[in-house]
Amino acid sequence: MNIKFKQWWGEFLCDEEGASAIEYALIAAMVALALIAFVDPINTAVSNLFGQIQSALPSSE
């Protein structure tokens, strides 16, 4: 039984399949942080720009 455990432990340590999942999770977390950090300021800037354009246009009344 001890030999089987050592063999299993060695295979477990060499297995890199879970590492890919962790890497993808880290990438997804970084993308989410970037979106949170940049989308709101961009949204505010675009809204302000369209507000300025709207106020610069002559009124149709």
C-alpha atoms as a PDB file:
ATOM      1  CA  MET A   1       0.000   0.000   0.000  1.00  0.00           C
ATOM      2  CA  ASN A   2       2.864   2.372   0.762  1.00  0.00           C
ATOM      3  CA  ILE A   3       4.255   1.910  -2.760  1.00  0.00           C
ATOM      4  CA  LYS A   4       0.876   2.741  -4.336  1.00  0.00           C
ATOM      5  CA  PHE A   5       0.633   5.897  -2.254  1.00  0.00           C
ATOM      6  CA  LYS A   6       4.119   7.007  -3.297  1.00  0.00           C
ATOM      7  CA  GLN A   7       3.249   6.333  -6.928  1.00  0.00           C
ATOM      8  CA  TRP A   8      -0.037   8.247  -6.611  1.00  0.00           C
ATOM      9  CA  TRP A   9       1.693  11.131  -4.822  1.00  0.00           C
ATOM     10  CA  GLY A  10       4.351  11.355  -7.521  1.00  0.00           C
ATOM     11  CA  GLU A  11       1.723  11.410 -10.271  1.00  0.00           C
ATOM     12  CA  PHE A  12      -0.286  13.998  -8.343  1.00  0.00           C
ATOM     13  CA  LEU A  13       2.703  16.324  -8.036  1.00  0.00           C
ATOM     14  CA  CYS A  14       3.545  16.001 -11.737  1.00  0.00           C
ATOM     15  CA  ASP A  15      -0.043  16.551 -12.898  1.00  0.00           C
ATOM     16  CA  GLU A  16      -0.307  19.998 -14.520  1.00  0.00           C
ATOM     17  CA  GLU A  17      -3.959  19.836 -15.548  1.00  0.00           C
ATOM     18  CA  GLY A  18      -5.222  21.842 -12.563  1.00  0.00           C
ATOM     19  CA  ALA A  19      -2.599  24.532 -13.125  1.00  0.00           C
ATOM     20  CA  SER A  20      -4.241  25.507 -16.402  1.00  0.00           C
ATOM     21  CA  ALA A  21      -7.588  25.994 -14.695  1.00  0.00           C
ATOM     22  CA  ILE A  22      -5.990  28.203 -12.068  1.00  0.00           C
ATOM     23  CA  GLU A  23      -4.240  30.254 -14.761  1.00  0.00           C
ATOM     24  CA  TYR A  24      -7.524  30.780 -16.603  1.00  0.00           C
ATOM     25  CA  ALA A  25      -9.216  31.830 -13.359  1.00  0.00           C
ATOM     26  CA  LEU A  26      -6.463  34.372 -12.693  1.00  0.00           C
ATOM     27  CA  ILE A  27      -6.781  35.760 -16.221  1.00  0.00           C
ATOM     28  CA  ALA A  28     -10.563  36.053 -15.823  1.00  0.00           C
ATOM     29  CA  ALA A  29     -10.087  37.864 -12.503  1.00  0.00           C
ATOM     30  CA  MET A  30      -7.631  40.326 -14.076  1.00  0.00           C
ATOM     31  CA  VAL A  31     -10.007  41.021 -16.972  1.00  0.00           C
ATOM     32  CA  ALA A  32     -12.848  41.611 -14.505  1.00  0.00           C
ATOM     33  CA  LEU A  33     -10.709  44.059 -12.519  1.00  0.00           C
ATOM     34  CA  ALA A  34      -9.710  45.903 -15.682  1.00  0.00           C
ATOM     35  CA  LEU A  35     -13.331  46.203 -16.742  1.00  0.00           C
ATOM     36  CA  ILE A  36     -14.355  47.500 -13.332  1.00  0.00           C
ATOM     37  CA  ALA A  37     -11.487  49.985 -13.322  1.00  0.00           C
ATOM     38  CA  PHE A  38     -11.974  51.358 -16.840  1.00  0.00           C
ATOM     39  CA  VAL A  39     -15.609  50.948 -17.875  1.00  0.00           C
ATOM     40  CA  ASP A  40     -17.098  53.376 -15.362  1.00  0.00           C
ATOM     41  CA  PRO A  41     -14.703  56.273 -16.151  1.00  0.00           C
ATOM     42  CA  ILE A  42     -15.128  55.685 -19.893  1.00  0.00           C
ATOM     43  CA  ASN A  43     -18.902  55.591 -19.483  1.00  0.00           C
ATOM     44  CA  THR A  44     -18.806  58.888 -17.578  1.00  0.00           C
ATOM     45  CA  ALA A  45     -16.544  60.518 -20.180  1.00  0.00           C
ATOM     46  CA  VAL A  46     -18.747  59.405 -23.091  1.00  0.00           C
ATOM     47  CA  SER A  47     -21.889  60.600 -21.294  1.00  0.00           C
ATOM     48  CA  ASN A  48     -20.269  63.986 -20.666  1.00  0.00           C
ATOM     49  CA  LEU A  49     -19.193  64.232 -24.308  1.00  0.00           C
ATOM     50  CA  PHE A  50     -22.702  63.522 -25.594  1.00  0.00           C
ATOM     51  CA  GLY A  51     -24.109  66.005 -23.055  1.00  0.00           C
ATOM     52  CA  GLN A  52     -21.771  68.695 -24.378  1.00  0.00           C
ATOM     53  CA  ILE A  53     -22.741  67.899 -27.965  1.00  0.00           C
ATOM     54  CA  GLN A  54     -26.428  68.028 -27.073  1.00  0.00           C
ATOM     55  CA  SER A  55     -26.089  71.383 -25.326  1.00  0.00           C
ATOM     56  CA  ALA A  56     -24.100  72.813 -28.271  1.00  0.00           C
ATOM     57  CA  LEU A  57     -26.770  71.901 -30.819  1.00  0.00           C
ATOM     58  CA  PRO A  58     -29.534  74.445 -31.438  1.00  0.00           C
ATOM     59  CA  SER A  59     -32.884  73.687 -29.904  1.00  0.00           C
ATOM     60  CA  SER A  60     -35.667  72.565 -32.275  1.00  0.00           C
ATOM     61  CA  GLU A  61     -38.372  74.421 -30.315  1.00  0.00           C
END
